[in-house]
Amino acid sequence: MPRKSPAYIVISTAENSAIILGRGGIIRRFWAPSEGGYVRRVSDSHPGTLGQQVCQRLERSGSTLSWTPSAGPLVDLIRREAKLAVQWGKRNSYTPEQMLGLDE
């Protein structure tokens, strides 16, 4: 039986930025200031500090997610939070795409 492709992958574009790429080519980009600070979901229309702050499990509300360079690259934090979001979603009947905003 062929192996199913993952619902998403998380890649690093720099020490302080990461991208989640979904099956359908939908992208979620994340950024934090290079000296550390709040993690933001960025887009072409909302770059850098104009991006929306994200919370734990990459949600839009809750405890704001912050990053420090001493903790390692931002991609590690985004991978961990994406995994937590998907685990929570599975327990509550949501797909990985729904939890990560890849179904829009």
Protein backbone atom coordinates (compact mmCIF):
# COMPACT_ATOMS: atom_id res chain seq x y z
CA MET A 1 0.00 0.00 0.00
CA PRO A 2 1.48 3.40 -0.96
CA ARG A 3 2.45 5.67 1.85
CA LYS A 4 0.27 8.76 2.32
CA SER A 5 2.11 12.05 2.00
CA PRO A 6 2.23 14.17 5.15
CA ALA A 7 -0.43 16.86 5.61
CA TYR A 8 2.30 19.46 6.03
CA ILE A 9 6.03 20.06 6.28
CA VAL A 10 7.85 22.73 8.25
CA ILE A 11 11.01 24.24 6.80
CA SER A 12 13.42 26.95 7.88
CA THR A 13 14.21 29.94 5.71
CA ALA A 14 16.47 31.68 8.25
CA GLU A 15 17.34 31.41 11.95
CA ASN A 16 14.29 33.52 12.83
CA SER A 17 11.75 32.39 10.23
CA ALA A 18 9.91 29.24 9.22
CA ILE A 19 7.31 28.10 6.70
CA ILE A 20 4.55 25.49 6.95
CA LEU A 21 3.74 24.08 3.53
CA GLY A 22 0.51 22.13 3.14
CA ARG A 23 -0.38 19.49 0.55
CA GLY A 24 -2.37 21.95 -1.55
CA GLY A 25 0.52 24.39 -1.72
CA ILE A 26 -0.92 26.63 0.97
CA ILE A 27 1.82 28.32 2.91
CA ARG A 28 1.89 29.77 6.42
CA ARG A 29 4.95 31.89 7.17
CA PHE A 30 6.25 32.69 10.65
CA TRP A 31 8.83 35.23 11.78
CA ALA A 32 10.30 36.61 15.00
CA PRO A 33 12.76 39.46 15.55
CA SER A 34 16.36 38.23 15.26
CA GLU A 35 17.05 39.28 18.87
CA GLY A 36 13.97 37.32 20.03
CA GLY A 37 10.39 38.28 20.81
CA TYR A 38 6.85 37.42 19.83
CA VAL A 39 6.29 35.03 16.93
CA ARG A 40 4.19 36.46 14.11
CA ARG A 41 2.35 34.96 11.17
CA VAL A 42 3.47 37.05 8.23
CA SER A 43 2.32 37.55 4.65
CA ASP A 44 3.15 39.84 1.75
CA SER A 45 0.59 42.35 3.01
CA HIS A 46 1.64 41.97 6.68
CA PRO A 47 5.44 41.51 6.82
CA GLY A 48 7.59 41.39 9.95
CA THR A 49 6.19 43.26 12.93
CA LEU A 50 2.94 43.94 11.03
CA GLY A 51 2.12 40.23 11.10
CA GLN A 52 -0.42 38.82 13.51
CA GLN A 53 1.02 37.45 16.76
CA VAL A 54 0.44 33.74 17.17
CA CYS A 55 -0.28 31.83 20.32
CA GLN A 56 0.48 28.36 21.60
CA ARG A 57 -0.39 25.61 19.10
CA LEU A 58 -0.14 28.38 16.45
CA GLU A 59 -3.65 29.57 17.32
CA ARG A 60 -5.04 33.08 17.07
CA SER A 61 -5.82 33.41 20.76
CA GLY A 62 -4.36 32.19 24.03
CA SER A 63 -0.85 32.53 25.42
CA THR A 64 1.31 34.47 22.98
CA LEU A 65 4.21 32.46 21.57
CA SER A 66 7.67 33.95 21.96
CA TRP A 67 11.08 32.85 20.74
CA THR A 68 14.67 33.47 21.83
CA PRO A 69 17.74 32.69 19.69
CA SER A 70 19.33 30.77 22.58
CA ALA A 71 16.49 28.21 22.29
CA GLY A 72 17.62 27.25 18.77
CA PRO A 73 16.19 28.14 15.37
CA LEU A 74 12.57 29.30 15.13
CA VAL A 75 11.76 26.29 12.94
CA ASP A 76 12.21 24.01 15.99
CA LEU A 77 9.58 25.97 17.92
CA ILE A 78 7.19 26.02 14.96
CA ARG A 79 7.58 22.26 14.44
CA ARG A 80 6.85 21.61 18.11
CA GLU A 81 3.81 23.89 18.17
CA ALA A 82 2.48 22.44 14.90
CA LYS A 83 2.82 18.93 16.32
CA LEU A 84 0.98 19.97 19.50
CA ALA A 85 -1.77 21.57 17.39
CA VAL A 86 -2.23 18.43 15.31
CA GLN A 87 -2.26 16.18 18.41
CA TRP A 88 -4.86 18.38 20.08
CA GLY A 89 -6.89 18.44 16.87
CA LYS A 90 -6.91 14.67 16.54
CA ARG A 91 -8.29 14.33 20.07
CA ASN A 92 -11.03 16.81 19.15
CA SER A 93 -11.91 15.54 15.65
CA TYR A 94 -10.05 18.16 13.60
CA THR A 95 -7.76 17.44 10.67
CA PRO A 96 -4.14 18.66 10.61
CA GLU A 97 -5.14 21.02 7.79
CA GLN A 98 -7.87 22.57 9.94
CA MET A 99 -5.61 22.98 12.94
CA LEU A 100 -2.82 24.64 10.97
CA GLY A 101 -5.02 26.86 8.81
CA LEU A 102 -4.11 24.93 5.67
CA ASP A 103 -7.71 24.32 4.65
CA GLU A 104 -8.52 27.94 3.75
